Amino acid sequence: MKLYCSRNPNPRLAVSVARYLDCPVEFEFAAPFAEGQAERFSKLNPNLSIPILEEAGGTLWEADAIACRLSRAMGSDFWRVGDDEPDMIRWISWGKANFVHACDMVHFERGTKQRYRIGPIDPDEIAKGLEMFHRSAAILDAYLASREWLTGSSPSYADFRMATFLPFNDIAKLPLDGFEAVMRWYARLDALPAWRQPFDGLRIPELPPVPV
């Protein structure tokens, strides 16, 4: 298996999953939107987005699907099965529509747009993102007050997905202070080497810097 990736949030998520599961995959840097790359990568993913998992039988794209595939390949319950699976999917779904979406909105303005010179920061989008962040972080904080992980007694993909943008908070500057349970949960996640340093030992270029 080969995982096409970069250090951007969703590819980083897929790499973290693969490293956490100790999957025997080959990691290859990819930039499908770079000049001259569209023809090659459109055959692997018509959306020209990464991550992409390439196997003998074809390709799989989207980080959630790749996490499911890798977990099953390794016989792991990281992607929950049985009675715990609906709960995990609940948090994946809720997160992508609420907490993760809010983080993405703010990071896109302060991070992605500035890294790739695709426009000025939109303060209205920042305000919308922060409003959603406060609302969803309060719900997450209340739930995590009596739990270490989102589902079960060990990390699952729900935890990884929920935290997609938090490694980039030096740029996004999301106001995590005050959400003590969320901060404790993220500290536990960040203590996992596969999450904290997913690119350790890999030849994956750094992201372009965000202008000061």
C-alpha atoms as a PDB file:
ATOM      1  CA  MET A   1       0.000   0.000   0.000  1.00  0.00           C
ATOM      2  CA  LYS A   2       1.103   3.544  -0.723  1.00  0.00           C
ATOM      3  CA  LEU A   3      -0.246   6.642   1.014  1.00  0.00           C
ATOM      4  CA  TYR A   4       0.040   9.911  -0.903  1.00  0.00           C
ATOM      5  CA  CYS A   5       0.241  12.700   1.622  1.00  0.00           C
ATOM      6  CA  SER A   6       1.526  16.079   2.722  1.00  0.00           C
ATOM      7  CA  ARG A   7       1.711  17.958   6.031  1.00  0.00           C
ATOM      8  CA  ASN A   8      -1.672  19.636   5.532  1.00  0.00           C
ATOM      9  CA  PRO A   9      -4.431  18.777   8.051  1.00  0.00           C
ATOM     10  CA  ASN A  10      -6.312  15.897   6.401  1.00  0.00           C
ATOM     11  CA  PRO A  11      -3.241  14.187   4.927  1.00  0.00           C
ATOM     12  CA  ARG A  12      -1.549  14.596   8.317  1.00  0.00           C
ATOM     13  CA  LEU A  13      -4.538  12.876   9.892  1.00  0.00           C
ATOM     14  CA  ALA A  14      -4.176   9.880   7.564  1.00  0.00           C
ATOM     15  CA  VAL A  15      -0.433   9.639   8.218  1.00  0.00           C
ATOM     16  CA  SER A  16      -1.062   9.742  11.982  1.00  0.00           C
ATOM     17  CA  VAL A  17      -3.530   6.884  11.660  1.00  0.00           C
ATOM     18  CA  ALA A  18      -1.096   4.792   9.624  1.00  0.00           C
ATOM     19  CA  ARG A  19       1.756   5.426  12.075  1.00  0.00           C
ATOM     20  CA  TYR A  20      -0.449   4.745  15.112  1.00  0.00           C
ATOM     21  CA  LEU A  21      -1.578   1.425  13.616  1.00  0.00           C
ATOM     22  CA  ASP A  22       1.984   0.625  12.518  1.00  0.00           C
ATOM     23  CA  CYS A  23       0.729  -0.103   9.015  1.00  0.00           C
ATOM     24  CA  PRO A  24       3.233  -1.342   6.432  1.00  0.00           C
ATOM     25  CA  VAL A  25       2.530   1.461   3.982  1.00  0.00           C
ATOM     26  CA  GLU A  26       4.851   3.504   1.823  1.00  0.00           C
ATOM     27  CA  PHE A  27       4.499   7.257   2.324  1.00  0.00           C
ATOM     28  CA  GLU A  28       4.912   9.508  -0.697  1.00  0.00           C
ATOM     29  CA  PHE A  29       4.649  13.277  -0.796  1.00  0.00           C
ATOM     30  CA  ALA A  30       2.046  14.514  -3.249  1.00  0.00           C
ATOM     31  CA  ALA A  31       0.921  17.931  -4.499  1.00  0.00           C
ATOM     32  CA  PRO A  32      -1.866  17.199  -7.019  1.00  0.00           C
ATOM     33  CA  PHE A  33      -2.600  20.878  -7.637  1.00  0.00           C
ATOM     34  CA  ALA A  34       1.019  21.690  -8.491  1.00  0.00           C
ATOM     35  CA  GLU A  35       1.840  22.475 -12.087  1.00  0.00           C
ATOM     36  CA  GLY A  36       1.990  19.372 -14.237  1.00  0.00           C
ATOM     37  CA  GLN A  37       0.548  17.018 -11.598  1.00  0.00           C
ATOM     38  CA  ALA A  38      -3.168  17.057 -12.443  1.00  0.00           C
ATOM     39  CA  GLU A  39      -3.073  14.393 -15.145  1.00  0.00           C
ATOM     40  CA  ARG A  40      -1.267  11.907 -12.916  1.00  0.00           C
ATOM     41  CA  PHE A  41      -3.384  12.402  -9.821  1.00  0.00           C
ATOM     42  CA  SER A  42      -6.771  12.705 -11.537  1.00  0.00           C
ATOM     43  CA  LYS A  43      -6.406   8.983 -12.281  1.00  0.00           C
ATOM     44  CA  LEU A  44      -5.995   8.308  -8.567  1.00  0.00           C
ATOM     45  CA  ASN A  45      -8.604  10.751  -7.274  1.00  0.00           C
ATOM     46  CA  PRO A  46     -10.803  12.834  -9.591  1.00  0.00           C
ATOM     47  CA  ASN A  47     -11.046  15.465  -6.839  1.00  0.00           C
ATOM     48  CA  LEU A  48      -7.262  15.994  -6.965  1.00  0.00           C
ATOM     49  CA  SER A  49      -7.159  15.962  -3.187  1.00  0.00           C
ATOM     50  CA  ILE A  50      -5.056  13.980  -0.750  1.00  0.00           C
ATOM     51  CA  PRO A  51      -4.737  11.703   1.172  1.00  0.00           C
ATOM     52  CA  ILE A  52      -4.995   8.878  -1.332  1.00  0.00           C
ATOM     53  CA  LEU A  53      -4.375   5.228  -0.478  1.00  0.00           C
ATOM     54  CA  GLU A  54      -3.188   3.160  -3.423  1.00  0.00           C
ATOM     55  CA  GLU A  55      -3.483  -0.624  -3.327  1.00  0.00           C
ATOM     56  CA  ALA A  56      -3.280  -3.439  -5.837  1.00  0.00           C
ATOM     57  CA  GLY A  57      -7.040  -3.270  -6.380  1.00  0.00           C
ATOM     58  CA  GLY A  58      -7.232   0.483  -6.918  1.00  0.00           C
ATOM     59  CA  THR A  59      -7.295   3.655  -4.855  1.00  0.00           C
ATOM     60  CA  LEU A  60      -9.237   4.912  -1.870  1.00  0.00           C
ATOM     61  CA  TRP A  61      -9.570   8.592  -1.043  1.00  0.00           C
ATOM     62  CA  GLU A  62     -10.926  10.604   1.910  1.00  0.00           C
ATOM     63  CA  ALA A  63      -9.221  10.347   5.296  1.00  0.00           C
ATOM     64  CA  ASP A  64     -12.171   8.689   7.056  1.00  0.00           C
ATOM     65  CA  ALA A  65     -12.391   5.884   4.502  1.00  0.00           C
ATOM     66  CA  ILE A  66      -8.632   5.393   4.588  1.00  0.00           C
ATOM     67  CA  ALA A  67      -8.670   5.161   8.402  1.00  0.00           C
ATOM     68  CA  CYS A  68     -11.369   2.492   8.210  1.00  0.00           C
ATOM     69  CA  ARG A  69      -9.431   0.533   5.593  1.00  0.00           C
ATOM     70  CA  LEU A  70      -6.132   0.661   7.494  1.00  0.00           C
ATOM     71  CA  SER A  71      -7.731  -0.305  10.792  1.00  0.00           C
ATOM     72  CA  ARG A  72      -9.411  -3.323   9.215  1.00  0.00           C
ATOM     73  CA  ALA A  73      -6.204  -4.292   7.446  1.00  0.00           C
ATOM     74  CA  MET A  74      -4.413  -4.355  10.793  1.00  0.00           C
ATOM     75  CA  GLY A  75      -7.226  -6.117  12.651  1.00  0.00           C
ATOM     76  CA  SER A  76      -7.496  -3.183  15.049  1.00  0.00           C
ATOM     77  CA  ASP A  77     -10.460  -1.770  16.946  1.00  0.00           C
ATOM     78  CA  PHE A  78      -9.103   1.749  16.378  1.00  0.00           C
ATOM     79  CA  TRP A  79     -11.990   1.999  13.918  1.00  0.00           C
ATOM     80  CA  ARG A  80     -14.579   0.659  16.309  1.00  0.00           C
ATOM     81  CA  VAL A  81     -16.724  -2.319  15.377  1.00  0.00           C
ATOM     82  CA  GLY A  82     -19.783  -3.890  16.946  1.00  0.00           C
ATOM     83  CA  ASP A  83     -21.745  -1.934  19.532  1.00  0.00           C
ATOM     84  CA  ASP A  84     -19.142   0.855  19.784  1.00  0.00           C
ATOM     85  CA  GLU A  85     -19.184   1.719  16.086  1.00  0.00           C
ATOM     86  CA  PRO A  86     -22.363   3.858  16.086  1.00  0.00           C
ATOM     87  CA  ASP A  87     -20.983   5.954  18.955  1.00  0.00           C
ATOM     88  CA  MET A  88     -17.711   6.505  17.103  1.00  0.00           C
ATOM     89  CA  ILE A  89     -19.554   7.485  13.924  1.00  0.00           C
ATOM     90  CA  ARG A  90     -21.749   9.844  15.955  1.00  0.00           C
ATOM     91  CA  TRP A  91     -18.672  11.812  17.047  1.00  0.00           C
ATOM     92  CA  ILE A  92     -17.083  11.752  13.597  1.00  0.00           C
ATOM     93  CA  SER A  93     -20.289  13.085  12.063  1.00  0.00           C
ATOM     94  CA  TRP A  94     -20.958  15.671  14.785  1.00  0.00           C
ATOM     95  CA  GLY A  95     -17.353  16.835  14.793  1.00  0.00           C
ATOM     96  CA  LYS A  96     -17.167  17.403  11.056  1.00  0.00           C
ATOM     97  CA  ALA A  97     -20.360  19.480  11.190  1.00  0.00           C
ATOM     98  CA  ASN A  98     -19.487  21.372  14.371  1.00  0.00           C
ATOM     99  CA  PHE A  99     -16.160  21.365  16.271  1.00  0.00           C
ATOM    100  CA  VAL A 100     -13.920  20.259  13.395  1.00  0.00           C
ATOM    101  CA  HIS A 101     -15.777  22.515  10.980  1.00  0.00           C
ATOM    102  CA  ALA A 102     -15.318  25.496  13.295  1.00  0.00           C
ATOM    103  CA  CYS A 103     -11.599  24.783  13.640  1.00  0.00           C
ATOM    104  CA  ASP A 104     -11.344  24.458   9.866  1.00  0.00           C
ATOM    105  CA  MET A 105     -13.065  27.802   9.253  1.00  0.00           C
ATOM    106  CA  VAL A 106     -10.639  29.680  11.484  1.00  0.00           C
ATOM    107  CA  HIS A 107      -7.553  27.777  10.321  1.00  0.00           C
ATOM    108  CA  PHE A 108      -8.461  28.316   6.670  1.00  0.00           C
ATOM    109  CA  GLU A 109      -8.480  32.084   7.149  1.00  0.00           C
ATOM    110  CA  ARG A 110      -5.427  32.408   9.375  1.00  0.00           C
ATOM    111  CA  GLY A 111      -3.445  29.497   7.994  1.00  0.00           C
ATOM    112  CA  THR A 112      -4.288  28.020   4.598  1.00  0.00           C
ATOM    113  CA  LYS A 113      -5.128  31.269   2.821  1.00  0.00           C
ATOM    114  CA  GLN A 114      -1.961  32.900   4.067  1.00  0.00           C
ATOM    115  CA  ARG A 115       0.333  29.940   3.332  1.00  0.00           C
ATOM    116  CA  TYR A 116      -0.820  29.700  -0.253  1.00  0.00           C
ATOM    117  CA  ARG A 117      -1.492  33.395  -0.930  1.00  0.00           C
ATOM    118  CA  ILE A 118      -5.143  32.871  -1.823  1.00  0.00           C
ATOM    119  CA  GLY A 119      -6.612  35.991  -0.292  1.00  0.00           C
ATOM    120  CA  PRO A 120      -6.754  38.193   2.809  1.00  0.00           C
ATOM    121  CA  ILE A 121      -8.191  37.084   6.135  1.00  0.00           C
ATOM    122  CA  ASP A 122     -11.975  37.517   6.223  1.00  0.00           C
ATOM    123  CA  PRO A 123     -12.895  38.735   9.734  1.00  0.00           C
ATOM    124  CA  ASP A 124     -16.544  37.775   9.233  1.00  0.00           C
ATOM    125  CA  GLU A 125     -15.562  34.153   8.590  1.00  0.00           C
ATOM    126  CA  ILE A 126     -13.288  34.224  11.628  1.00  0.00           C
ATOM    127  CA  ALA A 127     -16.184  35.492  13.758  1.00  0.00           C
ATOM    128  CA  LYS A 128     -18.531  32.783  12.458  1.00  0.00           C
ATOM    129  CA  GLY A 129     -15.918  30.131  13.073  1.00  0.00           C
ATOM    130  CA  LEU A 130     -15.205  31.306  16.612  1.00  0.00           C
ATOM    131  CA  GLU A 131     -18.899  31.432  17.455  1.00  0.00           C
ATOM    132  CA  MET A 132     -19.298  27.830  16.305  1.00  0.00           C
ATOM    133  CA  PHE A 133     -16.098  26.874  18.095  1.00  0.00           C
ATOM    134  CA  HIS A 134     -17.282  28.197  21.472  1.00  0.00           C
ATOM    135  CA  ARG A 135     -20.643  26.500  21.125  1.00  0.00           C
ATOM    136  CA  SER A 136     -19.276  23.122  20.079  1.00  0.00           C
ATOM    137  CA  ALA A 137     -16.258  23.195  22.410  1.00  0.00           C
ATOM    138  CA  ALA A 138     -18.637  23.648  25.357  1.00  0.00           C
ATOM    139  CA  ILE A 139     -20.532  20.500  24.340  1.00  0.00           C
ATOM    140  CA  LEU A 140     -17.309  18.562  23.837  1.00  0.00           C
ATOM    141  CA  ASP A 141     -15.902  19.799  27.138  1.00  0.00           C
ATOM    142  CA  ALA A 142     -18.964  18.690  29.091  1.00  0.00           C
ATOM    143  CA  TYR A 143     -18.828  15.236  27.527  1.00  0.00           C
ATOM    144  CA  LEU A 144     -15.106  14.785  28.144  1.00  0.00           C
ATOM    145  CA  ALA A 145     -15.290  15.970  31.757  1.00  0.00           C
ATOM    146  CA  SER A 146     -15.803  12.387  32.948  1.00  0.00           C
ATOM    147  CA  ARG A 147     -14.062  10.520  30.112  1.00  0.00           C
ATOM    148  CA  GLU A 148     -10.533  10.100  28.766  1.00  0.00           C
ATOM    149  CA  TRP A 149     -11.561   9.318  25.175  1.00  0.00           C
ATOM    150  CA  LEU A 150     -14.625   9.921  23.046  1.00  0.00           C
ATOM    151  CA  THR A 151     -15.666   6.283  22.901  1.00  0.00           C
ATOM    152  CA  GLY A 152     -14.422   3.333  24.913  1.00  0.00           C
ATOM    153  CA  SER A 153     -11.339   3.240  27.099  1.00  0.00           C
ATOM    154  CA  SER A 154      -8.693   3.787  24.405  1.00  0.00           C
ATOM    155  CA  PRO A 155      -8.117   6.186  21.502  1.00  0.00           C
ATOM    156  CA  SER A 156     -10.314   5.667  18.468  1.00  0.00           C
ATOM    157  CA  TYR A 157     -10.502   7.329  15.094  1.00  0.00           C
ATOM    158  CA  ALA A 158     -13.142   9.647  16.542  1.00  0.00           C
ATOM    159  CA  ASP A 159     -10.462  11.224  18.745  1.00  0.00           C
ATOM    160  CA  PHE A 160      -8.051  11.620  15.844  1.00  0.00           C
ATOM    161  CA  ARG A 161     -10.726  13.116  13.571  1.00  0.00           C
ATOM    162  CA  MET A 162     -11.987  15.516  16.235  1.00  0.00           C
ATOM    163  CA  ALA A 163      -8.451  16.853  16.719  1.00  0.00           C
ATOM    164  CA  THR A 164      -7.632  17.266  13.018  1.00  0.00           C
ATOM    165  CA  PHE A 165      -6.801  20.974  13.204  1.00  0.00           C
ATOM    166  CA  LEU A 166      -5.462  21.257  16.745  1.00  0.00           C
ATOM    167  CA  PRO A 167      -1.819  20.566  15.783  1.00  0.00           C
ATOM    168  CA  PHE A 168      -2.048  23.818  13.802  1.00  0.00           C
ATOM    169  CA  ASN A 169      -3.324  25.933  16.663  1.00  0.00           C
ATOM    170  CA  ASP A 170      -0.112  27.950  16.797  1.00  0.00           C
ATOM    171  CA  ILE A 171      -1.487  29.494  13.606  1.00  0.00           C
ATOM    172  CA  ALA A 172      -5.263  29.235  14.125  1.00  0.00           C
ATOM    173  CA  LYS A 173      -5.084  30.521  17.714  1.00  0.00           C
ATOM    174  CA  LEU A 174      -8.352  28.897  18.733  1.00  0.00           C
ATOM    175  CA  PRO A 175      -9.267  29.856  22.317  1.00  0.00           C
ATOM    176  CA  LEU A 176      -8.885  26.466  24.022  1.00  0.00           C
ATOM    177  CA  ASP A 177      -8.239  28.086  27.403  1.00  0.00           C
ATOM    178  CA  GLY A 178     -11.280  27.616  29.585  1.00  0.00           C
ATOM    179  CA  PHE A 179     -12.198  24.254  28.094  1.00  0.00           C
ATOM    180  CA  GLU A 180     -10.216  22.258  30.614  1.00  0.00           C
ATOM    181  CA  ALA A 181     -11.562  18.802  29.741  1.00  0.00           C
ATOM    182  CA  VAL A 182     -10.844  19.373  26.060  1.00  0.00           C
ATOM    183  CA  MET A 183      -7.318  20.477  26.898  1.00  0.00           C
ATOM    184  CA  ARG A 184      -6.719  17.393  29.079  1.00  0.00           C
ATOM    185  CA  TRP A 185      -8.087  15.150  26.320  1.00  0.00           C
ATOM    186  CA  TYR A 186      -5.861  16.765  23.736  1.00  0.00           C
ATOM    187  CA  ALA A 187      -2.819  16.472  25.997  1.00  0.00           C
ATOM    188  CA  ARG A 188      -3.432  12.728  26.188  1.00  0.00           C
ATOM    189  CA  LEU A 189      -3.700  12.547  22.409  1.00  0.00           C
ATOM    190  CA  ASP A 190      -0.598  14.672  21.918  1.00  0.00           C
ATOM    191  CA  ALA A 191       1.347  12.282  24.155  1.00  0.00           C
ATOM    192  CA  LEU A 192       1.001   9.620  21.440  1.00  0.00           C
ATOM    193  CA  PRO A 193       4.129   9.791  19.222  1.00  0.00           C
ATOM    194  CA  ALA A 194       2.128   8.874  16.114  1.00  0.00           C
ATOM    195  CA  TRP A 195      -0.063  11.917  16.670  1.00  0.00           C
ATOM    196  CA  ARG A 196       2.550  14.360  17.917  1.00  0.00           C
ATOM    197  CA  GLN A 197       5.221  13.537  15.319  1.00  0.00           C
ATOM    198  CA  PRO A 198       3.590  11.580  12.472  1.00  0.00           C
ATOM    199  CA  PHE A 199       6.284  12.588   9.984  1.00  0.00           C
ATOM    200  CA  ASP A 200       9.215  11.506  12.125  1.00  0.00           C
ATOM    201  CA  GLY A 201      11.716   9.813   9.816  1.00  0.00           C
ATOM    202  CA  LEU A 202       9.687  10.564   6.665  1.00  0.00           C
ATOM    203  CA  ARG A 203      10.865  12.746   3.795  1.00  0.00           C
ATOM    204  CA  ILE A 204       7.786  14.948   3.544  1.00  0.00           C
ATOM    205  CA  PRO A 205       8.452  18.676   2.867  1.00  0.00           C
ATOM    206  CA  GLU A 206       7.473  21.262   5.421  1.00  0.00           C
ATOM    207  CA  LEU A 207       4.453  23.455   4.718  1.00  0.00           C
ATOM    208  CA  PRO A 208       5.055  26.943   3.320  1.00  0.00           C
ATOM    209  CA  PRO A 209       5.430  29.418   6.201  1.00  0.00           C
ATOM    210  CA  VAL A 210       2.603  31.721   7.208  1.00  0.00           C
ATOM    211  CA  PRO A 211       3.743  35.325   6.677  1.00  0.00           C
ATOM    212  CA  VAL A 212       4.161  37.322   9.870  1.00  0.00           C
END
